[in-house]
């Protein structure tokens, strides 16, 4: 009998914990037919509500339910890493507890695994129910990543992914502190089947991803899987050096031919302000890479466990 590990990161999801379990258990007949045992690993990311208590109730009813509770909120990336690290399955699947990752897709996902794929990943073909502005910037992010990064990051990709133990071990071998799992999935490679599905709105609770959190997350991805911003800063600096040299030549010629009237100081101030802004922008981009390096060399743990069942 093979083991399937279901990894479920949670943060303030007391309303969804039991619903997710009930929905997953609708696949019980499929699990039996396939001779699959199941462990359900809830990763509590420092929730402030009764998420932990709800998982404990499930554990009392079903010993296949496990819990890892963090000492504080470390973020979903840490939750996924902890789930992969502490799971025991021959197959592993990462799923959101809010049921936006339908457990009903699992039989189809396994059918592709039988065809020789190492992992089956999911992507949404629509963003129905999302704010228009958020959807627009999400699409722009994926377009940008395709241009500036050699790592495959598919538009609409979800963290919902079924994988073999070999793929999970490859992901775990990447121990960086600043994690962007969507990029890591693409970087490790392996034969992957993309499964498309319509967007499913969450049934209970509210999303924990605000626009600014998503923006910060997208910046993590850009910095983790592309050095183009740092290169761009260098190119902009070179262009402005060339422009400054040309302006010096223009001023010399103009002074020699027409003298040096005292005029144009407002435009000069505007130019100085613009150049200073560009310099600060470039310095900020380089500073982001330095900051990420600083956090990596500290070698802090990705997460700290407070309680485990």
C-alpha atoms as a PDB file:
ATOM      1  CA  UNK A   1       0.000   0.000   0.000  1.00  0.00           C
ATOM      2  CA  UNK A   2       1.324   3.435  -0.970  1.00  0.00           C
ATOM      3  CA  UNK A   3       0.895   6.565   1.104  1.00  0.00           C
ATOM      4  CA  UNK A   4      -0.492   9.915  -0.062  1.00  0.00           C
ATOM      5  CA  UNK A   5       0.458  12.942   2.043  1.00  0.00           C
ATOM      6  CA  UNK A   6      -2.024  15.817   1.806  1.00  0.00           C
ATOM      7  CA  UNK A   7      -0.303  19.045   2.890  1.00  0.00           C
ATOM      8  CA  UNK A   8      -2.702  21.802   3.953  1.00  0.00           C
ATOM      9  CA  UNK A   9      -1.242  25.190   5.035  1.00  0.00           C
ATOM     10  CA  UNK A  10      -3.663  27.128   7.280  1.00  0.00           C
ATOM     11  CA  UNK A  11      -3.801  30.618   8.730  1.00  0.00           C
ATOM     12  CA  UNK A  12      -6.925  31.661  10.635  1.00  0.00           C
ATOM     13  CA  UNK A  13      -9.080  29.075   8.858  1.00  0.00           C
ATOM     14  CA  UNK A  14     -11.191  27.637  11.695  1.00  0.00           C
ATOM     15  CA  UNK A  15     -14.308  27.750   9.497  1.00  0.00           C
ATOM     16  CA  UNK A  16     -12.740  25.750   6.667  1.00  0.00           C
ATOM     17  CA  UNK A  17     -10.747  23.011   8.443  1.00  0.00           C
ATOM     18  CA  UNK A  18     -13.624  20.533   8.848  1.00  0.00           C
ATOM     19  CA  UNK A  19     -15.163  21.366   5.463  1.00  0.00           C
ATOM     20  CA  UNK A  20     -11.895  20.591   3.725  1.00  0.00           C
ATOM     21  CA  UNK A  21     -11.622  17.243   5.508  1.00  0.00           C
ATOM     22  CA  UNK A  22     -15.197  16.305   4.555  1.00  0.00           C
ATOM     23  CA  UNK A  23     -14.608  17.252   0.916  1.00  0.00           C
ATOM     24  CA  UNK A  24     -11.343  15.298   0.747  1.00  0.00           C
ATOM     25  CA  UNK A  25     -12.994  12.201   2.249  1.00  0.00           C
ATOM     26  CA  UNK A  26     -15.398  12.090  -0.696  1.00  0.00           C
ATOM     27  CA  UNK A  27     -12.439  10.481  -2.505  1.00  0.00           C
ATOM     28  CA  UNK A  28     -12.357   7.550  -0.051  1.00  0.00           C
ATOM     29  CA  UNK A  29     -13.595   5.033  -2.615  1.00  0.00           C
ATOM     30  CA  UNK A  30     -10.932   6.161  -5.059  1.00  0.00           C
ATOM     31  CA  UNK A  31      -8.242   5.830  -2.383  1.00  0.00           C
ATOM     32  CA  UNK A  32      -9.379   2.266  -1.622  1.00  0.00           C
ATOM     33  CA  UNK A  33      -9.511   1.284  -5.297  1.00  0.00           C
ATOM     34  CA  UNK A  34      -6.008   2.589  -5.809  1.00  0.00           C
ATOM     35  CA  UNK A  35      -4.742   0.956  -2.595  1.00  0.00           C
ATOM     36  CA  UNK A  36      -3.731   4.349  -1.189  1.00  0.00           C
ATOM     37  CA  UNK A  37      -3.384   5.160   2.471  1.00  0.00           C
ATOM     38  CA  UNK A  38      -3.743   8.853   3.328  1.00  0.00           C
ATOM     39  CA  UNK A  39      -2.244  11.219   5.878  1.00  0.00           C
ATOM     40  CA  UNK A  40      -3.611  14.761   6.162  1.00  0.00           C
ATOM     41  CA  UNK A  41      -1.014  17.205   7.439  1.00  0.00           C
ATOM     42  CA  UNK A  42      -2.440  20.544   8.537  1.00  0.00           C
ATOM     43  CA  UNK A  43       0.266  23.213   8.878  1.00  0.00           C
ATOM     44  CA  UNK A  44      -0.944  25.937  11.227  1.00  0.00           C
ATOM     45  CA  UNK A  45       0.923  29.137  10.395  1.00  0.00           C
ATOM     46  CA  UNK A  46       0.561  30.819  13.793  1.00  0.00           C
ATOM     47  CA  UNK A  47      -3.226  31.243  13.607  1.00  0.00           C
ATOM     48  CA  UNK A  48      -4.900  33.542  16.120  1.00  0.00           C
ATOM     49  CA  UNK A  49      -8.310  31.867  15.930  1.00  0.00           C
ATOM     50  CA  UNK A  50      -9.391  28.288  16.771  1.00  0.00           C
ATOM     51  CA  UNK A  51      -7.732  26.602  13.784  1.00  0.00           C
ATOM     52  CA  UNK A  52      -5.536  24.404  16.016  1.00  0.00           C
ATOM     53  CA  UNK A  53      -8.498  23.326  18.152  1.00  0.00           C
ATOM     54  CA  UNK A  54     -10.493  22.390  15.044  1.00  0.00           C
ATOM     55  CA  UNK A  55      -7.624  20.249  13.722  1.00  0.00           C
ATOM     56  CA  UNK A  56      -7.330  18.515  17.109  1.00  0.00           C
ATOM     57  CA  UNK A  57     -11.028  17.636  16.941  1.00  0.00           C
ATOM     58  CA  UNK A  58     -10.440  16.014  13.561  1.00  0.00           C
ATOM     59  CA  UNK A  59      -7.445  14.113  14.933  1.00  0.00           C
ATOM     60  CA  UNK A  60      -9.594  12.648  17.703  1.00  0.00           C
ATOM     61  CA  UNK A  61     -12.006  11.407  15.039  1.00  0.00           C
ATOM     62  CA  UNK A  62      -9.380  10.287  12.515  1.00  0.00           C
ATOM     63  CA  UNK A  63      -5.779   9.453  13.449  1.00  0.00           C
ATOM     64  CA  UNK A  64      -4.688  10.082   9.869  1.00  0.00           C
ATOM     65  CA  UNK A  65      -4.998  13.806  10.603  1.00  0.00           C
ATOM     66  CA  UNK A  66      -1.731  15.371  11.741  1.00  0.00           C
ATOM     67  CA  UNK A  67      -0.885  18.871  12.942  1.00  0.00           C
ATOM     68  CA  UNK A  68       2.221  21.038  12.908  1.00  0.00           C
ATOM     69  CA  UNK A  69       1.691  24.408  14.559  1.00  0.00           C
ATOM     70  CA  UNK A  70       4.230  27.228  14.185  1.00  0.00           C
ATOM     71  CA  UNK A  71       5.336  29.503  17.021  1.00  0.00           C
ATOM     72  CA  UNK A  72       4.246  32.514  14.940  1.00  0.00           C
ATOM     73  CA  UNK A  73       3.203  33.428  11.404  1.00  0.00           C
ATOM     74  CA  UNK A  74       6.082  32.475   9.077  1.00  0.00           C
ATOM     75  CA  UNK A  75       4.111  32.679   5.817  1.00  0.00           C
ATOM     76  CA  UNK A  76       2.648  30.171   3.401  1.00  0.00           C
ATOM     77  CA  UNK A  77       6.018  29.395   1.809  1.00  0.00           C
ATOM     78  CA  UNK A  78       7.308  28.177   5.171  1.00  0.00           C
ATOM     79  CA  UNK A  79       4.111  26.165   5.604  1.00  0.00           C
ATOM     80  CA  UNK A  80       4.595  24.367   2.294  1.00  0.00           C
ATOM     81  CA  UNK A  81       8.245  23.648   3.104  1.00  0.00           C
ATOM     82  CA  UNK A  82       7.336  22.292   6.563  1.00  0.00           C
ATOM     83  CA  UNK A  83       4.657  20.076   5.048  1.00  0.00           C
ATOM     84  CA  UNK A  84       7.034  18.581   2.488  1.00  0.00           C
ATOM     85  CA  UNK A  85       9.729  18.115   5.118  1.00  0.00           C
ATOM     86  CA  UNK A  86       7.486  16.344   7.645  1.00  0.00           C
ATOM     87  CA  UNK A  87       5.375  14.227   5.306  1.00  0.00           C
ATOM     88  CA  UNK A  88       6.004  10.532   4.787  1.00  0.00           C
ATOM     89  CA  UNK A  89       4.113   9.833   1.565  1.00  0.00           C
ATOM     90  CA  UNK A  90       5.168   8.179  -1.659  1.00  0.00           C
ATOM     91  CA  UNK A  91       2.990  10.855  -3.262  1.00  0.00           C
ATOM     92  CA  UNK A  92       2.501  14.367  -1.922  1.00  0.00           C
ATOM     93  CA  UNK A  93      -0.094  16.980  -2.756  1.00  0.00           C
ATOM     94  CA  UNK A  94      -0.226  20.603  -1.589  1.00  0.00           C
ATOM     95  CA  UNK A  95      -3.737  22.045  -1.265  1.00  0.00           C
ATOM     96  CA  UNK A  96      -5.379  25.194   0.101  1.00  0.00           C
ATOM     97  CA  UNK A  97      -7.824  24.628   2.945  1.00  0.00           C
ATOM     98  CA  UNK A  98     -10.348  27.130   1.529  1.00  0.00           C
ATOM     99  CA  UNK A  99     -11.479  24.578  -1.128  1.00  0.00           C
ATOM    100  CA  UNK A 100     -10.343  26.768  -4.010  1.00  0.00           C
ATOM    101  CA  UNK A 101      -8.192  23.735  -4.839  1.00  0.00           C
ATOM    102  CA  UNK A 102     -10.916  21.122  -5.515  1.00  0.00           C
ATOM    103  CA  UNK A 103     -10.111  17.700  -3.982  1.00  0.00           C
ATOM    104  CA  UNK A 104     -12.362  16.220  -6.687  1.00  0.00           C
ATOM    105  CA  UNK A 105      -9.483  16.678  -9.166  1.00  0.00           C
ATOM    106  CA  UNK A 106      -7.300  14.099  -7.397  1.00  0.00           C
ATOM    107  CA  UNK A 107      -8.480  11.037  -9.422  1.00  0.00           C
ATOM    108  CA  UNK A 108      -7.737  12.829 -12.697  1.00  0.00           C
ATOM    109  CA  UNK A 109      -4.359  13.985 -11.368  1.00  0.00           C
ATOM    110  CA  UNK A 110      -3.406  10.408 -10.489  1.00  0.00           C
ATOM    111  CA  UNK A 111      -4.444   9.245 -13.952  1.00  0.00           C
ATOM    112  CA  UNK A 112      -1.740  11.498 -15.419  1.00  0.00           C
ATOM    113  CA  UNK A 113       0.804  10.226 -12.883  1.00  0.00           C
ATOM    114  CA  UNK A 114       0.098   6.733 -14.240  1.00  0.00           C
ATOM    115  CA  UNK A 115       1.114   8.023 -17.681  1.00  0.00           C
ATOM    116  CA  UNK A 116       4.653   8.694 -16.465  1.00  0.00           C
ATOM    117  CA  UNK A 117       4.476  12.278 -15.220  1.00  0.00           C
ATOM    118  CA  UNK A 118       6.509  13.202 -12.137  1.00  0.00           C
ATOM    119  CA  UNK A 119       4.049  15.877 -11.050  1.00  0.00           C
ATOM    120  CA  UNK A 120       0.621  17.205 -11.981  1.00  0.00           C
ATOM    121  CA  UNK A 121       0.206  20.944 -11.483  1.00  0.00           C
ATOM    122  CA  UNK A 122      -2.945  23.044 -11.707  1.00  0.00           C
ATOM    123  CA  UNK A 123      -3.644  26.440 -13.223  1.00  0.00           C
ATOM    124  CA  UNK A 124      -6.757  28.564 -13.301  1.00  0.00           C
ATOM    125  CA  UNK A 125      -8.036  29.507 -16.734  1.00  0.00           C
ATOM    126  CA  UNK A 126     -10.259  32.249 -15.297  1.00  0.00           C
ATOM    127  CA  UNK A 127     -10.005  34.668 -12.387  1.00  0.00           C
ATOM    128  CA  UNK A 128     -13.737  34.934 -11.790  1.00  0.00           C
ATOM    129  CA  UNK A 129     -14.516  36.488  -8.421  1.00  0.00           C
ATOM    130  CA  UNK A 130     -11.191  38.322  -8.110  1.00  0.00           C
ATOM    131  CA  UNK A 131     -10.939  42.141  -8.123  1.00  0.00           C
ATOM    132  CA  UNK A 132     -10.213  43.457 -11.619  1.00  0.00           C
ATOM    133  CA  UNK A 133      -7.098  45.385 -10.559  1.00  0.00           C
ATOM    134  CA  UNK A 134      -5.611  42.354  -8.811  1.00  0.00           C
ATOM    135  CA  UNK A 135      -6.246  40.153 -11.863  1.00  0.00           C
ATOM    136  CA  UNK A 136      -4.643  42.726 -14.171  1.00  0.00           C
ATOM    137  CA  UNK A 137      -1.460  43.008 -12.115  1.00  0.00           C
ATOM    138  CA  UNK A 138      -1.281  39.223 -11.705  1.00  0.00           C
ATOM    139  CA  UNK A 139      -1.290  38.762 -15.476  1.00  0.00           C
ATOM    140  CA  UNK A 140       1.325  41.503 -15.877  1.00  0.00           C
ATOM    141  CA  UNK A 141       3.517  39.760 -13.308  1.00  0.00           C
ATOM    142  CA  UNK A 142       3.473  36.451 -15.200  1.00  0.00           C
ATOM    143  CA  UNK A 143       4.175  38.208 -18.509  1.00  0.00           C
ATOM    144  CA  UNK A 144       7.122  40.016 -16.924  1.00  0.00           C
ATOM    145  CA  UNK A 145       8.518  36.824 -15.407  1.00  0.00           C
ATOM    146  CA  UNK A 146       8.402  35.056 -18.768  1.00  0.00           C
ATOM    147  CA  UNK A 147      10.548  37.824 -20.233  1.00  0.00           C
ATOM    148  CA  UNK A 148      13.133  38.286 -17.489  1.00  0.00           C
ATOM    149  CA  UNK A 149      13.526  34.766 -16.056  1.00  0.00           C
ATOM    150  CA  UNK A 150      14.637  31.483 -17.579  1.00  0.00           C
ATOM    151  CA  UNK A 151      12.555  29.579 -15.009  1.00  0.00           C
ATOM    152  CA  UNK A 152       9.107  28.488 -16.189  1.00  0.00           C
ATOM    153  CA  UNK A 153       6.350  30.179 -14.176  1.00  0.00           C
ATOM    154  CA  UNK A 154       2.951  29.514 -15.739  1.00  0.00           C
ATOM    155  CA  UNK A 155       0.192  32.143 -15.739  1.00  0.00           C
ATOM    156  CA  UNK A 156      -2.552  31.229 -13.277  1.00  0.00           C
ATOM    157  CA  UNK A 157      -0.441  28.541 -11.598  1.00  0.00           C
ATOM    158  CA  UNK A 158      -1.689  27.370  -8.222  1.00  0.00           C
ATOM    159  CA  UNK A 159       0.265  25.775  -5.386  1.00  0.00           C
ATOM    160  CA  UNK A 160      -2.098  22.804  -5.823  1.00  0.00           C
ATOM    161  CA  UNK A 161       0.266  20.130  -7.125  1.00  0.00           C
ATOM    162  CA  UNK A 162       0.573  16.357  -6.898  1.00  0.00           C
ATOM    163  CA  UNK A 163       4.154  15.079  -6.981  1.00  0.00           C
ATOM    164  CA  UNK A 164       6.310  12.047  -6.376  1.00  0.00           C
ATOM    165  CA  UNK A 165       8.663  11.740  -3.431  1.00  0.00           C
ATOM    166  CA  UNK A 166      11.595  12.356  -5.789  1.00  0.00           C
ATOM    167  CA  UNK A 167      10.226  15.770  -6.787  1.00  0.00           C
ATOM    168  CA  UNK A 168       9.561  16.661  -3.134  1.00  0.00           C
ATOM    169  CA  UNK A 169      13.135  15.774  -2.178  1.00  0.00           C
ATOM    170  CA  UNK A 170      14.446  17.977  -5.004  1.00  0.00           C
ATOM    171  CA  UNK A 171      12.376  20.898  -3.678  1.00  0.00           C
ATOM    172  CA  UNK A 172      13.584  20.273  -0.125  1.00  0.00           C
ATOM    173  CA  UNK A 173      17.193  20.345  -1.327  1.00  0.00           C
ATOM    174  CA  UNK A 174      16.684  24.060  -2.053  1.00  0.00           C
ATOM    175  CA  UNK A 175      16.989  25.397   1.467  1.00  0.00           C
ATOM    176  CA  UNK A 176      16.933  29.126   0.745  1.00  0.00           C
ATOM    177  CA  UNK A 177      15.280  31.342   3.358  1.00  0.00           C
ATOM    178  CA  UNK A 178      13.581  33.623   0.811  1.00  0.00           C
ATOM    179  CA  UNK A 179      11.295  31.117  -0.883  1.00  0.00           C
ATOM    180  CA  UNK A 180       9.098  31.484  -3.962  1.00  0.00           C
ATOM    181  CA  UNK A 181       7.604  28.035  -4.436  1.00  0.00           C
ATOM    182  CA  UNK A 182       6.074  28.658  -7.869  1.00  0.00           C
ATOM    183  CA  UNK A 183       9.562  29.430  -9.147  1.00  0.00           C
ATOM    184  CA  UNK A 184      11.135  26.520  -7.272  1.00  0.00           C
ATOM    185  CA  UNK A 185       8.676  24.103  -8.900  1.00  0.00           C
ATOM    186  CA  UNK A 186       9.798  25.319 -12.312  1.00  0.00           C
ATOM    187  CA  UNK A 187      13.493  25.386 -11.439  1.00  0.00           C
ATOM    188  CA  UNK A 188      13.722  21.744 -10.284  1.00  0.00           C
ATOM    189  CA  UNK A 189      12.165  20.614 -13.561  1.00  0.00           C
ATOM    190  CA  UNK A 190      10.802  17.053 -13.928  1.00  0.00           C
ATOM    191  CA  UNK A 191       8.046  15.972 -16.309  1.00  0.00           C
ATOM    192  CA  UNK A 192       4.968  18.008 -15.375  1.00  0.00           C
ATOM    193  CA  UNK A 193       1.385  17.881 -16.638  1.00  0.00           C
ATOM    194  CA  UNK A 194      -0.624  21.108 -16.368  1.00  0.00           C
ATOM    195  CA  UNK A 195      -4.265  20.591 -15.470  1.00  0.00           C
ATOM    196  CA  UNK A 196      -6.588  23.522 -16.143  1.00  0.00           C
ATOM    197  CA  UNK A 197      -9.746  24.262 -14.146  1.00  0.00           C
ATOM    198  CA  UNK A 198     -12.248  27.046 -13.645  1.00  0.00           C
ATOM    199  CA  UNK A 199     -11.664  29.358 -10.694  1.00  0.00           C
ATOM    200  CA  UNK A 200     -13.521  28.283  -7.546  1.00  0.00           C
ATOM    201  CA  UNK A 201     -14.524  30.961  -5.070  1.00  0.00           C
ATOM    202  CA  UNK A 202     -13.805  30.311  -1.413  1.00  0.00           C
ATOM    203  CA  UNK A 203     -16.870  29.112   0.486  1.00  0.00           C
ATOM    204  CA  UNK A 204     -16.087  30.478   3.958  1.00  0.00           C
ATOM    205  CA  UNK A 205     -13.814  33.082   5.502  1.00  0.00           C
ATOM    206  CA  UNK A 206     -11.824  35.752   3.727  1.00  0.00           C
ATOM    207  CA  UNK A 207      -8.609  35.615   1.739  1.00  0.00           C
ATOM    208  CA  UNK A 208      -5.442  36.504   3.682  1.00  0.00           C
ATOM    209  CA  UNK A 209      -3.796  37.846   0.524  1.00  0.00           C
ATOM    210  CA  UNK A 210      -4.253  41.584   0.244  1.00  0.00           C
ATOM    211  CA  UNK A 211      -3.087  43.502  -2.839  1.00  0.00           C
ATOM    212  CA  UNK A 212       0.057  44.691  -1.049  1.00  0.00           C
ATOM    213  CA  UNK A 213       0.909  41.206   0.209  1.00  0.00           C
ATOM    214  CA  UNK A 214       0.592  39.889  -3.342  1.00  0.00           C
ATOM    215  CA  UNK A 215       2.764  42.748  -4.618  1.00  0.00           C
ATOM    216  CA  UNK A 216       5.438  41.921  -2.047  1.00  0.00           C
ATOM    217  CA  UNK A 217       5.172  38.236  -2.977  1.00  0.00           C
ATOM    218  CA  UNK A 218       5.630  39.045  -6.666  1.00  0.00           C
ATOM    219  CA  UNK A 219       8.755  41.074  -5.847  1.00  0.00           C
ATOM    220  CA  UNK A 220      10.085  38.040  -3.955  1.00  0.00           C
ATOM    221  CA  UNK A 221       9.615  35.986  -7.106  1.00  0.00           C
ATOM    222  CA  UNK A 222      11.329  38.516  -9.356  1.00  0.00           C
ATOM    223  CA  UNK A 223      14.331  38.863  -7.045  1.00  0.00           C
ATOM    224  CA  UNK A 224      14.569  35.100  -6.430  1.00  0.00           C
ATOM    225  CA  UNK A 225      14.541  34.017 -10.067  1.00  0.00           C
ATOM    226  CA  UNK A 226      15.920  36.905 -12.091  1.00  0.00           C
ATOM    227  CA  UNK A 227      18.979  39.166 -11.979  1.00  0.00           C
ATOM    228  CA  UNK A 228      17.540  41.428 -14.676  1.00  0.00           C
ATOM    229  CA  UNK A 229      16.627  44.245 -12.223  1.00  0.00           C
ATOM    230  CA  UNK A 230      20.264  44.532 -11.104  1.00  0.00           C
ATOM    231  CA  UNK A 231      21.402  44.454 -14.740  1.00  0.00           C
ATOM    232  CA  UNK A 232      18.800  47.072 -15.611  1.00  0.00           C
ATOM    233  CA  UNK A 233      20.178  49.346 -12.899  1.00  0.00           C
ATOM    234  CA  UNK A 234      23.642  49.075 -14.444  1.00  0.00           C
ATOM    235  CA  UNK A 235      22.316  49.769 -17.954  1.00  0.00           C
ATOM    236  CA  UNK A 236      20.407  52.849 -16.764  1.00  0.00           C
ATOM    237  CA  UNK A 237      23.554  54.101 -15.025  1.00  0.00           C
ATOM    238  CA  UNK A 238      25.614  53.686 -18.214  1.00  0.00           C
ATOM    239  CA  UNK A 239      22.975  55.469 -20.314  1.00  0.00           C
ATOM    240  CA  UNK A 240      22.920  58.430 -17.958  1.00  0.00           C
ATOM    241  CA  UNK A 241      26.730  58.627 -17.961  1.00  0.00           C
ATOM    242  CA  UNK A 242      26.647  58.784 -21.770  1.00  0.00           C
ATOM    243  CA  UNK A 243      23.878  61.405 -21.642  1.00  0.00           C
ATOM    244  CA  UNK A 244      25.867  63.486 -19.146  1.00  0.00           C
ATOM    245  CA  UNK A 245      28.972  63.346 -21.388  1.00  0.00           C
ATOM    246  CA  UNK A 246      26.942  64.479 -24.407  1.00  0.00           C
ATOM    247  CA  UNK A 247      25.430  67.339 -22.390  1.00  0.00           C
ATOM    248  CA  UNK A 248      28.918  68.477 -21.375  1.00  0.00           C
ATOM    249  CA  UNK A 249      29.905  68.609 -25.059  1.00  0.00           C
ATOM    250  CA  UNK A 250      26.734  70.557 -25.910  1.00  0.00           C
ATOM    251  CA  UNK A 251      27.384  73.074 -23.129  1.00  0.00           C
ATOM    252  CA  UNK A 252      31.014  73.584 -24.238  1.00  0.00           C
ATOM    253  CA  UNK A 253      29.987  74.174 -27.849  1.00  0.00           C
ATOM    254  CA  UNK A 254      27.058  76.415 -26.859  1.00  0.00           C
ATOM    255  CA  UNK A 255      29.235  78.530 -24.538  1.00  0.00           C
ATOM    256  CA  UNK A 256      31.923  78.897 -27.189  1.00  0.00           C
ATOM    257  CA  UNK A 257      29.435  80.041 -29.822  1.00  0.00           C
ATOM    258  CA  UNK A 258      26.826  82.009 -27.875  1.00  0.00           C
ATOM    259  CA  UNK A 259      28.313  82.850 -24.497  1.00  0.00           C
ATOM    260  CA  UNK A 260      26.881  81.779 -21.149  1.00  0.00           C
ATOM    261  CA  UNK A 261      23.642  83.602 -20.356  1.00  0.00           C
ATOM    262  CA  UNK A 262      22.179  82.960 -16.895  1.00  0.00           C
ATOM    263  CA  UNK A 263      19.032  81.077 -17.828  1.00  0.00           C
ATOM    264  CA  UNK A 264      17.457  77.624 -17.604  1.00  0.00           C
ATOM    265  CA  UNK A 265      17.998  76.968 -13.917  1.00  0.00           C
ATOM    266  CA  UNK A 266      14.434  75.527 -13.465  1.00  0.00           C
ATOM    267  CA  UNK A 267      15.082  72.910 -16.142  1.00  0.00           C
ATOM    268  CA  UNK A 268      18.440  72.177 -14.522  1.00  0.00           C
ATOM    269  CA  UNK A 269      16.760  71.548 -11.177  1.00  0.00           C
ATOM    270  CA  UNK A 270      14.246  69.218 -12.862  1.00  0.00           C
ATOM    271  CA  UNK A 271      17.057  67.271 -14.535  1.00  0.00           C
ATOM    272  CA  UNK A 272      18.968  66.942 -11.263  1.00  0.00           C
ATOM    273  CA  UNK A 273      15.834  65.742  -9.496  1.00  0.00           C
ATOM    274  CA  UNK A 274      15.130  63.195 -12.241  1.00  0.00           C
ATOM    275  CA  UNK A 275      18.679  61.856 -12.264  1.00  0.00           C
ATOM    276  CA  UNK A 276      18.696  61.646  -8.462  1.00  0.00           C
ATOM    277  CA  UNK A 277      15.436  59.709  -8.580  1.00  0.00           C
ATOM    278  CA  UNK A 278      16.861  57.254 -11.094  1.00  0.00           C
ATOM    279  CA  UNK A 279      19.962  56.817  -8.948  1.00  0.00           C
ATOM    280  CA  UNK A 280      17.893  56.091  -5.849  1.00  0.00           C
ATOM    281  CA  UNK A 281      15.704  53.678  -7.831  1.00  0.00           C
ATOM    282  CA  UNK A 282      18.740  51.749  -9.078  1.00  0.00           C
ATOM    283  CA  UNK A 283      20.316  51.796  -5.631  1.00  0.00           C
ATOM    284  CA  UNK A 284      17.074  50.419  -4.209  1.00  0.00           C
ATOM    285  CA  UNK A 285      17.059  47.513  -6.685  1.00  0.00           C
ATOM    286  CA  UNK A 286      20.634  46.601  -5.853  1.00  0.00           C
ATOM    287  CA  UNK A 287      19.834  47.048  -2.155  1.00  0.00           C
ATOM    288  CA  UNK A 288      17.048  44.462  -2.411  1.00  0.00           C
ATOM    289  CA  UNK A 289      19.520  41.853  -3.623  1.00  0.00           C
ATOM    290  CA  UNK A 290      21.936  42.785  -0.837  1.00  0.00           C
ATOM    291  CA  UNK A 291      19.117  42.520   1.723  1.00  0.00           C
ATOM    292  CA  UNK A 292      18.148  39.053   0.471  1.00  0.00           C
ATOM    293  CA  UNK A 293      21.770  37.965   0.672  1.00  0.00           C
ATOM    294  CA  UNK A 294      21.951  39.348   4.219  1.00  0.00           C
ATOM    295  CA  UNK A 295      18.934  37.278   5.267  1.00  0.00           C
ATOM    296  CA  UNK A 296      20.341  34.142   3.635  1.00  0.00           C
ATOM    297  CA  UNK A 297      23.736  34.315   5.349  1.00  0.00           C
ATOM    298  CA  UNK A 298      22.062  34.618   8.760  1.00  0.00           C
ATOM    299  CA  UNK A 299      20.996  30.999   8.183  1.00  0.00           C
ATOM    300  CA  UNK A 300      17.876  31.336  10.335  1.00  0.00           C
ATOM    301  CA  UNK A 301      15.395  28.427  10.370  1.00  0.00           C
ATOM    302  CA  UNK A 302      12.577  28.702   7.836  1.00  0.00           C
ATOM    303  CA  UNK A 303      10.050  27.939  10.576  1.00  0.00           C
ATOM    304  CA  UNK A 304       9.837  27.038  14.286  1.00  0.00           C
ATOM    305  CA  UNK A 305       7.413  24.384  15.531  1.00  0.00           C
ATOM    306  CA  UNK A 306       5.442  25.129  18.686  1.00  0.00           C
ATOM    307  CA  UNK A 307       3.252  22.022  18.764  1.00  0.00           C
ATOM    308  CA  UNK A 308       3.034  18.801  16.776  1.00  0.00           C
ATOM    309  CA  UNK A 309       0.528  15.952  16.691  1.00  0.00           C
END
